[in-house]
């Protein structure tokens, strides 16, 4: 994943849907991985979420592969 930062437009990354380098909004989300309701709060993991500003495609990447 190649990332380029432009001071005016934010982060540019390759979009698998658009097939070109486009501006993206990037954030970190905590997602619950457990399907069980009991102790679900202990199964949250950080994910990097990148959303293409051109087409709206969203890509998530788990940050902790432990």
C-alpha atoms as a PDB file:
ATOM      1  CA  UNK A   1       0.000   0.000   0.000  1.00  0.00           C
ATOM      2  CA  UNK A   2       1.659   3.221  -1.151  1.00  0.00           C
ATOM      3  CA  UNK A   3       0.651   6.442   0.595  1.00  0.00           C
ATOM      4  CA  UNK A   4       1.457   9.988  -0.471  1.00  0.00           C
ATOM      5  CA  UNK A   5       0.582  12.981   1.695  1.00  0.00           C
ATOM      6  CA  UNK A   6      -0.367  16.273   0.042  1.00  0.00           C
ATOM      7  CA  UNK A   7      -0.667  19.329   2.308  1.00  0.00           C
ATOM      8  CA  UNK A   8      -3.778  20.593   0.503  1.00  0.00           C
ATOM      9  CA  UNK A   9      -5.725  17.394  -0.153  1.00  0.00           C
ATOM     10  CA  UNK A  10      -4.718  14.916   2.553  1.00  0.00           C
ATOM     11  CA  UNK A  11      -3.603  11.342   1.946  1.00  0.00           C
ATOM     12  CA  UNK A  12      -3.351   9.760  -1.496  1.00  0.00           C
ATOM     13  CA  UNK A  13      -3.414   5.984  -1.843  1.00  0.00           C
ATOM     14  CA  UNK A  14      -3.993   3.423  -4.557  1.00  0.00           C
ATOM     15  CA  UNK A  15      -7.698   2.555  -4.764  1.00  0.00           C
ATOM     16  CA  UNK A  16      -8.446  -1.025  -5.794  1.00  0.00           C
ATOM     17  CA  UNK A  17     -11.919  -0.006  -7.044  1.00  0.00           C
ATOM     18  CA  UNK A  18     -10.923   3.147  -8.996  1.00  0.00           C
ATOM     19  CA  UNK A  19      -7.668   1.589 -10.156  1.00  0.00           C
ATOM     20  CA  UNK A  20      -5.713   4.797  -9.595  1.00  0.00           C
ATOM     21  CA  UNK A  21      -4.158   6.935  -6.886  1.00  0.00           C
ATOM     22  CA  UNK A  22      -6.887   9.042  -5.215  1.00  0.00           C
ATOM     23  CA  UNK A  23      -7.410  11.096  -2.062  1.00  0.00           C
ATOM     24  CA  UNK A  24      -8.503   9.025   0.962  1.00  0.00           C
ATOM     25  CA  UNK A  25      -9.851   9.734   4.423  1.00  0.00           C
ATOM     26  CA  UNK A  26      -8.011   7.557   6.954  1.00  0.00           C
ATOM     27  CA  UNK A  27      -8.936   6.774  10.557  1.00  0.00           C
ATOM     28  CA  UNK A  28      -8.480   4.108  13.249  1.00  0.00           C
ATOM     29  CA  UNK A  29     -11.539   2.200  14.510  1.00  0.00           C
ATOM     30  CA  UNK A  30     -11.891  -0.311  17.317  1.00  0.00           C
ATOM     31  CA  UNK A  31     -13.907  -3.251  15.998  1.00  0.00           C
ATOM     32  CA  UNK A  32     -15.328  -6.116  18.045  1.00  0.00           C
ATOM     33  CA  UNK A  33     -14.255  -9.449  16.613  1.00  0.00           C
ATOM     34  CA  UNK A  34     -16.203 -11.760  18.908  1.00  0.00           C
ATOM     35  CA  UNK A  35     -19.700 -12.873  17.914  1.00  0.00           C
ATOM     36  CA  UNK A  36     -20.492 -13.797  21.533  1.00  0.00           C
ATOM     37  CA  UNK A  37     -22.117 -11.087  23.645  1.00  0.00           C
ATOM     38  CA  UNK A  38     -20.410 -12.258  26.828  1.00  0.00           C
ATOM     39  CA  UNK A  39     -16.980 -10.604  27.179  1.00  0.00           C
ATOM     40  CA  UNK A  40     -17.253  -8.995  23.718  1.00  0.00           C
ATOM     41  CA  UNK A  41     -15.666  -5.804  25.072  1.00  0.00           C
ATOM     42  CA  UNK A  42     -12.414  -7.745  25.501  1.00  0.00           C
ATOM     43  CA  UNK A  43     -12.200  -8.751  21.840  1.00  0.00           C
ATOM     44  CA  UNK A  44     -11.846  -5.285  20.306  1.00  0.00           C
ATOM     45  CA  UNK A  45      -8.930  -4.689  17.952  1.00  0.00           C
ATOM     46  CA  UNK A  46      -7.682  -1.542  16.170  1.00  0.00           C
ATOM     47  CA  UNK A  47      -8.258  -1.365  12.416  1.00  0.00           C
ATOM     48  CA  UNK A  48      -6.965   1.188   9.924  1.00  0.00           C
ATOM     49  CA  UNK A  49      -9.915   2.307   7.779  1.00  0.00           C
ATOM     50  CA  UNK A  50      -9.246   4.040   4.473  1.00  0.00           C
ATOM     51  CA  UNK A  51     -12.131   5.534   2.460  1.00  0.00           C
ATOM     52  CA  UNK A  52     -11.653   6.688  -1.128  1.00  0.00           C
ATOM     53  CA  UNK A  53     -12.964  10.218  -1.653  1.00  0.00           C
ATOM     54  CA  UNK A  54     -13.592   9.534  -5.367  1.00  0.00           C
ATOM     55  CA  UNK A  55     -15.724   6.379  -5.220  1.00  0.00           C
ATOM     56  CA  UNK A  56     -16.428   5.786  -1.513  1.00  0.00           C
ATOM     57  CA  UNK A  57     -14.756   2.349  -1.403  1.00  0.00           C
ATOM     58  CA  UNK A  58     -13.688   1.423   2.122  1.00  0.00           C
ATOM     59  CA  UNK A  59     -10.735  -0.789   3.011  1.00  0.00           C
ATOM     60  CA  UNK A  60      -9.981  -2.078   6.518  1.00  0.00           C
ATOM     61  CA  UNK A  61      -6.671  -3.452   7.753  1.00  0.00           C
ATOM     62  CA  UNK A  62      -6.202  -5.067  11.172  1.00  0.00           C
ATOM     63  CA  UNK A  63      -3.381  -3.263  12.977  1.00  0.00           C
ATOM     64  CA  UNK A  64      -2.538  -5.937  15.554  1.00  0.00           C
ATOM     65  CA  UNK A  65      -1.832  -9.388  14.144  1.00  0.00           C
ATOM     66  CA  UNK A  66      -1.067 -11.006  17.508  1.00  0.00           C
END
